[in-house]
Protein backbone atom coordinates (compact mmCIF):
# COMPACT_ATOMS: atom_id res chain seq x y z
CA MET A 1 -53.41 16.50 14.24
CA ASN A 2 -53.21 15.07 17.76
CA ARG A 3 -50.62 12.30 17.90
CA GLU A 4 -49.58 12.31 21.53
CA LYS A 5 -48.59 8.98 23.06
CA GLN A 6 -51.60 7.61 24.90
CA LEU A 7 -49.74 4.84 26.74
CA SER A 8 -46.68 5.25 28.93
CA CYS A 9 -45.45 1.82 27.80
CA THR A 10 -45.17 3.08 24.20
CA SER A 11 -42.20 5.29 25.05
CA GLN A 12 -40.68 2.46 27.06
CA ALA A 13 -40.90 0.14 24.05
CA ALA A 14 -39.18 2.67 21.79
CA GLN A 15 -36.43 3.29 24.33
CA LYS A 16 -35.90 -0.45 24.74
CA GLN A 17 -35.21 -0.84 21.03
CA LYS A 18 -32.72 2.04 20.95
CA THR A 19 -30.88 0.88 24.06
CA TRP A 20 -30.81 -2.73 22.89
CA PHE A 21 -29.39 -1.82 19.48
CA ALA A 22 -26.69 0.41 21.00
CA GLU A 23 -25.67 -2.42 23.33
CA LEU A 24 -25.68 -4.87 20.41
CA ARG A 25 -23.31 -2.70 18.36
CA GLN A 26 -21.01 -2.32 21.36
CA ASP A 27 -20.97 -6.07 21.96
CA VAL A 28 -20.23 -6.84 18.30
CA PHE A 29 -17.57 -4.19 17.70
CA GLU A 30 -15.84 -4.11 21.07
CA LEU A 31 -16.38 -7.59 22.48
CA GLN A 32 -16.55 -9.44 19.14
CA LYS A 33 -19.78 -11.19 20.12
CA PRO A 34 -21.75 -12.83 17.28
CA TYR A 35 -25.23 -11.82 16.16
CA ALA A 36 -27.50 -12.69 13.21
CA ILE A 37 -29.63 -10.86 10.64
CA ILE A 38 -32.81 -12.85 10.03
CA ASN A 39 -36.21 -12.48 8.41
CA ALA A 40 -39.38 -12.04 10.44
CA ASP A 41 -40.73 -15.51 9.61
CA THR A 42 -37.64 -17.46 10.72
CA PRO A 43 -37.29 -19.26 14.10
CA HIS A 44 -36.09 -16.36 16.25
CA ASP A 45 -36.69 -18.56 19.28
CA LEU A 46 -33.71 -20.79 18.51
CA PHE A 47 -31.36 -17.81 18.29
CA HIS A 48 -32.66 -16.44 21.60
CA VAL A 49 -32.32 -19.81 23.34
CA MET A 50 -28.76 -20.15 22.03
CA GLY A 51 -27.86 -16.66 23.26
CA ILE A 52 -27.33 -15.15 19.79
CA PRO A 53 -28.93 -11.69 19.38
CA VAL A 54 -30.85 -11.06 16.16
CA VAL A 55 -31.71 -8.05 14.05
CA THR A 56 -34.90 -8.60 12.07
CA ASN A 57 -34.63 -7.57 8.44
CA GLN A 58 -38.14 -6.08 8.29
CA TRP A 59 -37.68 -4.19 11.56
CA TRP A 60 -34.49 -2.63 10.23
CA ALA A 61 -36.27 -1.62 6.99
CA ALA A 62 -39.00 0.00 9.10
CA VAL A 63 -36.40 1.97 11.07
CA VAL A 64 -34.81 3.20 7.84
CA ALA A 65 -38.21 4.26 6.47
CA ALA A 66 -39.19 6.00 9.71
CA LYS A 67 -35.95 8.01 9.52
CA GLY A 68 -36.87 9.17 6.01
CA LEU A 69 -33.90 7.43 4.37
CA SER A 70 -35.55 4.73 2.26
CA SER A 71 -35.56 6.92 -0.88
CA ASP A 72 -31.81 7.52 -0.64
CA TYR A 73 -31.09 3.82 -0.27
CA LEU A 74 -33.51 2.67 -2.97
CA ASP A 75 -32.27 5.28 -5.45
CA GLY A 76 -28.77 4.07 -4.61
CA MET A 77 -29.78 0.48 -5.38
CA SER A 78 -31.10 1.60 -8.78
CA SER A 79 -27.81 3.37 -9.51
CA LEU A 80 -26.00 0.11 -8.76
CA GLY A 81 -28.09 -1.68 -11.39
CA PHE A 82 -30.61 -3.49 -9.17
CA HIS A 83 -34.08 -4.04 -10.62
CA LYS A 84 -36.33 -1.06 -9.92
CA ASP A 85 -39.21 -3.35 -8.89
CA LEU A 86 -37.15 -5.35 -6.39
CA CYS A 87 -39.06 -5.93 -3.15
CA ARG A 88 -38.27 -2.86 -1.04
CA TYR A 89 -39.11 -4.46 2.29
CA CYS A 90 -36.57 -7.23 1.83
CA SER A 91 -33.82 -5.29 0.04
CA ILE A 92 -33.42 -2.11 2.11
CA GLY A 93 -31.29 -3.98 4.63
CA LEU A 94 -28.90 -5.01 1.86
CA ALA A 95 -28.89 -1.41 0.64
CA THR A 96 -27.75 -0.09 4.01
CA ASN A 97 -24.60 -2.18 3.71
CA LEU A 98 -23.98 -1.49 0.01
CA ILE A 99 -24.55 2.27 0.06
CA ASP A 100 -22.69 4.76 2.23
CA LEU A 101 -24.83 7.70 3.31
CA GLU A 102 -21.85 9.31 5.03
CA GLY A 103 -22.93 9.14 8.63
CA ARG A 104 -26.71 9.27 8.11
CA THR A 105 -27.25 5.53 8.55
CA PRO A 106 -29.76 5.00 11.39
CA TRP A 107 -28.18 4.33 14.79
CA GLY A 108 -24.74 3.80 13.28
CA GLY A 109 -25.73 1.01 10.88
CA LEU A 110 -25.54 -2.77 10.91
CA PRO A 111 -22.28 -4.43 11.94
CA THR A 112 -21.17 -7.63 10.22
CA PRO A 113 -23.21 -10.63 11.44
CA ALA A 114 -22.04 -14.18 11.98
CA LEU A 115 -25.04 -15.47 10.06
CA LEU A 116 -27.98 -14.45 7.87
CA CYS A 117 -31.15 -16.56 7.73
CA ALA A 118 -34.34 -16.36 5.64
CA ARG A 119 -37.23 -18.53 4.49
CA LEU A 120 -37.56 -18.87 0.72
CA THR A 121 -41.07 -17.46 0.48
CA CYS A 122 -40.57 -15.59 -2.81
CA ASP A 123 -38.23 -15.54 -5.80
CA CYS A 124 -36.07 -12.64 -4.63
CA MET A 125 -35.32 -13.90 -1.14
CA GLN A 126 -32.42 -16.21 -1.89
CA ARG A 127 -30.72 -13.75 -4.24
CA ILE A 128 -31.00 -10.79 -1.87
CA PHE A 129 -29.75 -12.65 1.18
CA GLN A 130 -26.98 -14.45 -0.70
CA GLN A 131 -25.65 -11.18 -2.10
CA TRP A 132 -25.94 -9.62 1.35
CA ALA A 133 -24.03 -12.51 2.93
CA ASP A 134 -21.37 -12.44 0.19
CA HIS A 135 -20.86 -8.69 0.65
CA LEU A 136 -20.49 -9.04 4.42
CA GLY A 137 -18.47 -12.24 4.32
CA SER A 138 -21.10 -14.03 6.43
CA ASP A 139 -22.83 -17.39 6.16
CA PHE A 140 -26.38 -17.63 4.81
CA ILE A 141 -28.87 -20.32 5.81
CA ALA A 142 -31.98 -20.67 3.66
CA LEU A 143 -35.06 -22.45 5.02
CA GLU A 144 -37.56 -24.04 2.66
CA ALA A 145 -41.21 -22.99 2.47
CA PRO A 146 -42.88 -26.32 1.57
CA GLY A 147 -46.32 -26.08 0.01
CA SER A 148 -49.47 -27.31 1.73
CA GLN A 149 -51.79 -30.01 0.40
CA LYS A 150 -54.47 -29.04 2.92
CA LEU A 151 -55.61 -25.44 3.21
CA PRO A 152 -58.06 -25.14 6.12
CA GLU A 153 -59.77 -21.76 6.02
CA ASN A 154 -60.29 -21.55 9.78
CA TRP A 155 -56.64 -22.24 10.60
CA TRP A 156 -56.85 -20.27 13.85
CA GLU A 157 -59.11 -22.99 15.25
CA LEU A 158 -56.28 -25.53 14.79
CA SER A 159 -53.09 -23.58 15.40
CA ARG A 160 -52.89 -23.70 19.20
CA HIS A 161 -53.70 -27.34 19.98
CA ARG A 162 -53.95 -29.14 16.62
CA TRP A 163 -50.84 -27.69 14.99
CA GLU A 164 -49.60 -31.10 13.79
CA GLU A 165 -52.79 -31.51 11.77
CA LEU A 166 -52.65 -27.95 10.49
CA SER A 167 -49.01 -28.08 9.38
CA GLU A 168 -49.09 -31.65 7.96
CA PRO A 169 -46.56 -34.25 9.18
CA TYR A 170 -44.43 -34.40 6.01
CA ARG A 171 -43.93 -30.61 6.06
CA LEU A 172 -43.05 -30.71 9.75
CA ASP A 173 -40.54 -33.51 9.14
CA LEU A 174 -38.70 -31.32 6.62
CA ALA A 175 -38.85 -28.26 8.87
CA VAL A 176 -37.54 -30.17 11.90
CA THR A 177 -34.63 -31.52 9.85
CA GLU A 178 -33.74 -28.00 8.73
CA LEU A 179 -34.05 -26.62 12.27
CA LYS A 180 -31.69 -29.31 13.54
CA ASP A 181 -29.15 -28.27 10.91
CA LEU A 182 -29.61 -24.65 11.97
CA ILE A 183 -29.09 -25.62 15.62
CA GLY A 184 -25.79 -27.25 14.67
CA ARG A 185 -24.62 -23.98 13.13
CA LEU A 186 -25.80 -21.97 16.14
CA GLU A 187 -23.96 -24.30 18.52
CA LYS A 188 -20.71 -23.63 16.66
CA ILE A 189 -21.29 -19.87 16.63
CA SER A 190 -22.34 -19.58 20.28
CA GLY A 191 -20.16 -22.29 21.80
CA LYS A 192 -23.27 -23.52 23.66
CA ALA A 193 -25.04 -26.87 23.50
CA PHE A 194 -28.70 -26.83 22.51
CA SER A 195 -31.12 -27.77 25.30
CA GLU A 196 -34.57 -29.11 24.49
CA GLU A 197 -35.71 -28.22 28.00
CA ALA A 198 -34.53 -24.63 27.54
CA LEU A 199 -36.54 -24.37 24.31
CA ARG A 200 -39.61 -25.79 26.04
CA ALA A 201 -39.31 -23.23 28.84
CA PHE A 202 -38.80 -20.47 26.30
CA LEU A 203 -41.88 -21.40 24.26
CA THR A 204 -43.93 -21.61 27.46
CA LYS A 205 -42.94 -18.02 28.19
CA VAL A 206 -43.87 -16.99 24.66
CA ASN A 207 -47.30 -18.56 25.18
CA GLN A 208 -47.74 -16.52 28.36
CA GLN A 209 -46.75 -13.34 26.54
CA GLU A 210 -49.23 -14.03 23.73
CA GLU A 211 -51.96 -14.75 26.27
CA TYR A 212 -51.55 -11.16 27.49
CA PHE A 213 -51.93 -10.01 23.89
CA GLN A 214 -55.06 -12.15 23.64
CA GLU A 215 -56.53 -10.22 26.57
CA VAL A 216 -55.66 -6.90 24.91
CA ARG A 217 -57.16 -8.11 21.67
CA GLU A 218 -60.46 -8.94 23.38
CA LEU A 219 -60.50 -5.65 25.29
CA ILE A 220 -60.12 -3.65 22.08
CA ALA A 221 -62.64 -5.75 20.15
CA THR A 222 -65.36 -5.50 22.80
CA ALA A 223 -64.84 -1.96 24.15
CA PRO A 224 -67.54 0.55 23.08
CA GLN A 225 -64.77 2.64 21.48
CA CYS A 226 -61.17 1.79 20.62
CA PRO A 227 -59.02 2.55 23.70
CA VAL A 228 -55.72 3.20 21.91
CA ARG A 229 -54.58 4.11 18.42
CA VAL A 230 -53.41 1.37 16.12
CA GLU A 231 -49.90 2.83 15.76
CA GLU A 232 -49.36 2.41 19.50
CA GLN A 233 -50.73 -1.10 19.35
CA ILE A 234 -48.14 -1.88 16.67
CA SER A 235 -45.27 -0.20 18.53
CA ASN A 236 -45.86 -2.14 21.75
CA VAL A 237 -46.63 -5.48 20.14
CA MET A 238 -43.69 -5.52 17.73
CA ALA A 239 -41.07 -4.37 20.22
CA THR A 240 -42.28 -7.17 22.48
CA GLN A 241 -42.30 -9.77 19.69
CA TRP A 242 -38.71 -9.00 18.69
CA HIS A 243 -37.66 -9.75 22.28
CA ARG A 244 -40.20 -12.52 22.86
CA GLY A 245 -39.46 -15.11 25.48
CA SER A 246 -37.41 -12.68 27.59
CA ASP A 247 -38.35 -11.37 31.02
CA TRP A 248 -38.58 -7.88 29.56
CA ALA A 249 -41.03 -9.02 26.86
CA LEU A 250 -43.27 -10.83 29.32
CA ASN A 251 -43.31 -7.88 31.70
CA HIS A 252 -43.96 -5.42 28.87
CA ALA A 253 -46.85 -7.48 27.52
CA ARG A 254 -48.35 -7.44 31.02
CA LEU A 255 -47.84 -3.68 31.32
CA PHE A 256 -49.45 -3.17 27.91
CA ARG A 257 -52.43 -5.28 29.00
CA ASP A 258 -52.76 -3.37 32.27
CA GLU A 259 -52.75 0.04 30.59
CA ILE A 260 -55.34 -0.99 28.02
CA LYS A 261 -57.57 -2.52 30.69
CA THR A 262 -57.39 0.63 32.80
CA ARG A 263 -58.42 2.75 29.83
CA VAL A 264 -61.30 0.43 28.93
CA ASP A 265 -62.53 0.23 32.54
CA SER A 266 -62.40 4.03 32.75
CA GLY A 267 -64.20 4.52 29.44
CA VAL A 268 -61.21 6.25 27.81
CA ALA A 269 -61.14 6.19 24.01
CA ALA A 270 -58.34 6.82 21.56
CA PHE A 271 -60.67 9.38 19.96
CA SER A 272 -63.93 10.19 21.71
CA GLY A 273 -65.64 11.18 18.45
CA GLU A 274 -65.29 7.69 16.96
CA LYS A 275 -67.99 7.04 14.36
CA LYS A 276 -66.46 4.55 11.97
CA ARG A 277 -64.12 1.67 12.81
CA LEU A 278 -61.41 0.94 10.24
CA MET A 279 -59.00 -1.95 9.84
CA TRP A 280 -55.56 -1.66 8.25
CA VAL A 281 -54.64 -4.68 6.12
CA GLY A 282 -50.94 -5.07 5.38
CA ALA A 283 -47.58 -4.24 6.89
CA GLY A 284 -47.23 -1.00 8.78
CA LEU A 285 -46.95 2.24 6.82
CA TRP A 286 -43.56 2.82 8.35
CA HIS A 287 -42.67 6.01 6.47
CA ASP A 288 -45.91 7.81 7.49
CA MET A 289 -47.44 6.42 10.68
CA SER A 290 -49.40 9.66 11.13
CA PHE A 291 -51.75 8.43 8.39
CA TYR A 292 -53.62 6.28 10.90
CA SER A 293 -54.95 9.20 12.92
CA ALA A 294 -55.37 11.65 10.01
CA PHE A 295 -59.14 11.14 9.60
CA GLU A 296 -60.30 11.17 13.21
CA GLU A 297 -61.20 14.85 13.51
CA SER A 298 -62.57 15.25 9.99
CA HIS A 299 -64.57 12.03 9.64
CA GLY A 300 -64.62 10.28 13.03
CA ALA A 301 -62.77 7.42 11.32
CA VAL A 302 -60.55 5.49 13.74
CA PHE A 303 -58.16 2.69 12.83
CA VAL A 304 -58.74 0.05 15.49
CA TRP A 305 -57.17 -3.06 13.92
CA SER A 306 -53.96 -4.22 12.27
CA MET A 307 -52.61 -7.75 11.92
CA TYR A 308 -49.83 -7.31 14.46
CA LEU A 309 -51.81 -7.70 17.69
CA PRO A 310 -54.22 -10.58 16.85
CA PHE A 311 -51.70 -12.57 14.81
CA GLY A 312 -49.56 -13.20 17.89
CA PRO A 313 -52.18 -15.10 19.91
CA ASP A 314 -53.54 -16.93 16.86
CA TRP A 315 -50.22 -18.03 15.38
CA TYR A 316 -47.45 -17.91 17.99
CA ILE A 317 -49.21 -19.85 20.75
CA ARG A 318 -48.40 -23.55 20.70
CA TYR A 319 -49.83 -25.78 23.42
CA GLY A 320 -48.56 -29.32 23.81
CA LEU A 321 -44.79 -28.86 24.04
CA GLU A 322 -43.72 -32.46 24.57
CA ASP A 323 -41.63 -32.03 21.41
CA PRO A 324 -40.80 -28.31 21.51
CA LEU A 325 -38.73 -28.33 18.31
CA ARG A 326 -41.59 -29.83 16.33
CA ALA A 327 -44.00 -27.32 17.87
CA LEU A 328 -41.69 -24.49 16.81
CA ALA A 329 -41.40 -25.98 13.33
CA SER A 330 -45.19 -25.91 13.04
CA ARG A 331 -45.11 -22.17 13.61
CA VAL A 332 -42.30 -21.50 11.15
CA VAL A 333 -43.43 -23.75 8.32
CA THR A 334 -46.45 -21.64 7.25
CA MET A 335 -45.94 -18.38 9.12
CA ASN A 336 -45.82 -15.90 6.26
CA GLU A 337 -48.43 -17.71 4.18
CA VAL A 338 -51.26 -17.38 6.69
CA LEU A 339 -50.87 -13.60 6.55
CA HIS A 340 -51.00 -13.30 2.76
CA ASN A 341 -52.12 -16.41 0.90
CA PRO A 342 -55.69 -17.54 0.19
CA PRO A 343 -57.61 -19.18 1.70
CA TYR A 344 -55.68 -18.62 4.95
CA ALA A 345 -55.51 -14.82 4.97
CA PRO A 346 -58.90 -13.81 3.52
CA SER A 347 -60.89 -16.02 5.89
CA TRP A 348 -58.92 -14.86 8.95
CA ILE A 349 -59.21 -11.18 8.13
CA VAL A 350 -62.95 -11.42 7.42
CA ASN A 351 -63.36 -13.17 10.77
CA GLU A 352 -61.31 -10.44 12.49
CA ALA A 353 -63.38 -7.72 10.82
CA LYS A 354 -66.57 -9.22 12.22
CA ARG A 355 -65.04 -9.65 15.71
CA ASN A 356 -64.00 -6.01 15.79
CA ARG A 357 -67.19 -4.51 14.35
CA ILE A 358 -65.25 -3.09 11.41
CA ASP A 359 -67.05 -0.66 9.10
CA ALA A 360 -64.42 -0.58 6.36
CA ALA A 361 -60.96 -1.90 5.47
CA VAL A 362 -58.02 0.04 4.08
CA ILE A 363 -55.61 -2.27 2.26
CA LEU A 364 -52.00 -1.54 1.39
CA LEU A 365 -51.11 -2.92 -2.04
CA PRO A 366 -47.29 -2.95 -2.40
CA LYS A 367 -46.76 -3.99 -6.01
CA GLY A 368 -43.03 -4.43 -5.46
CA ASN A 369 -43.86 -7.16 -2.95
CA ARG A 370 -45.55 -9.58 -5.32
CA PRO A 371 -46.71 -12.38 -2.98
CA ALA A 372 -48.24 -9.87 -0.59
CA ALA A 373 -49.79 -7.75 -3.34
CA ALA A 374 -51.52 -10.68 -5.05
CA GLY A 375 -52.88 -11.89 -1.74
CA LYS A 376 -54.27 -8.46 -0.90
CA LEU A 377 -56.54 -8.56 -3.94
CA MET A 378 -58.02 -11.84 -2.70
CA ILE A 379 -58.46 -10.35 0.77
CA ALA A 380 -60.25 -7.32 -0.68
CA SER A 381 -62.59 -9.58 -2.64
CA ALA A 382 -63.44 -11.64 0.47
CA LEU A 383 -64.14 -8.52 2.55
CA GLU A 384 -66.39 -7.02 -0.10
CA LYS A 385 -68.32 -10.29 -0.33
CA ALA A 386 -68.76 -10.12 3.44
CA GLY A 387 -70.29 -6.65 3.08
CA ILE A 388 -67.25 -4.69 4.27
CA PRO A 389 -66.22 -1.84 1.94
CA THR A 390 -62.54 -1.82 1.00
CA HIS A 391 -60.16 0.90 -0.13
CA LEU A 392 -56.88 -0.09 -1.80
CA ILE A 393 -53.83 2.13 -1.56
CA GLU A 394 -51.15 1.31 -4.12
CA SER A 395 -47.99 2.13 -2.23
CA ASP A 396 -45.21 0.48 -0.30
CA MET A 397 -44.66 0.00 3.42
CA VAL A 398 -41.13 1.42 3.33
CA ASP A 399 -40.75 3.23 -0.01
CA GLY A 400 -41.64 6.89 0.56
CA ARG A 401 -40.98 7.71 -3.10
CA GLN A 402 -44.38 6.30 -4.05
CA TRP A 403 -46.26 8.19 -1.38
CA ASP A 404 -48.24 11.19 -2.66
CA ARG A 405 -49.73 12.28 0.64
CA ALA A 406 -52.14 14.85 -0.77
CA SER A 407 -53.52 12.47 -3.39
CA VAL A 408 -53.79 9.56 -0.93
CA HIS A 409 -55.67 11.73 1.57
CA THR A 410 -58.03 13.05 -1.10
CA ASN A 411 -58.90 9.53 -2.26
CA MET A 412 -59.27 8.35 1.32
CA LYS A 413 -61.70 11.16 2.14
CA GLN A 414 -63.73 10.37 -0.95
CA PHE A 415 -63.90 6.71 0.11
CA LEU A 416 -65.08 7.65 3.60
CA GLU A 417 -67.71 10.05 2.30
CA VAL A 418 -69.02 7.95 -0.60
CA ARG A 419 -68.68 4.32 0.48
CA LEU A 420 -69.46 4.92 4.17
């Protein structure tokens, strides 16, 4: 299986993450600087503007899974009496602080944060983060996830310019109030005063970064063949998103765009024998990223799409920054829901499938992650109704214990040969 890096910026993104984390640990342990552990759908932008580094819970879980350690941690959680069906994605971070693997913790492990923050998007979130905060002796801030009364299917047509309409004023009012409370806590932790102008400048930079991703998205969708494998798309996009708003992130997004454009202009494909274009629906398969290129040689099946690249331009961009805090609140208040919940997610993914000339969709169904799993069934139904064959894989994005590689590959080959 040929899994060489096709972009030079991919290695740069990986090295950035390692260097950044090493510097973070040094700052926390030696210089006693504060940092925070936060969920992916929380307002990272406020922490960045206030000069407080963040470690994203889901990113850390992905690192653990990629190092092959998720089974050790999850078995350890079971031995401590935690429910065996607890969401793996959200609980592995807690496990890394509860369970001592005697020096095998990735990159030295997580130091004690000044603060933990999460949105209450499912039943387990508050309990996991509260226990995590109690164990570490840190504060925990929970942000509400207020329900919508309006559910526009084509939300991506509203999100950039008409975000007030999309998010509904009463939900934004609540979110802004909570963000102001969060800012007060961050001011105490950082010793800095919040600046609305600094947030506006930051969000403007984020918009510019996402505009580069928009260009990449269009290049991949319209190129005769996919110019780069989906795992490298994910690596470059997510490293950039975790550092969004920084000079490094903006420069890396530009470099990513330039490399993709060069490959498209030169007619270079990720796999020259591409016959079928696949989309991956769900979080990354962090414990076995080689899966995405496993069917190129045998079936000409190339994964060209995942949510990570197109979601940035469609959801992160906010134009009209007269009130930057309210604009940020509009992004936070429904962020996770548009990726998973009907009608938001099914309509967006069907639209993306058509844009990218997708022949079939492979959908990860993580039963331990109940909100995501239920939504995936609705997405599969919408894709099938649109004439796009779907293949569901019942496994988890970080739990390698559920992954029977031989069986998964056999079923995948059967799907490619029978349905396509």
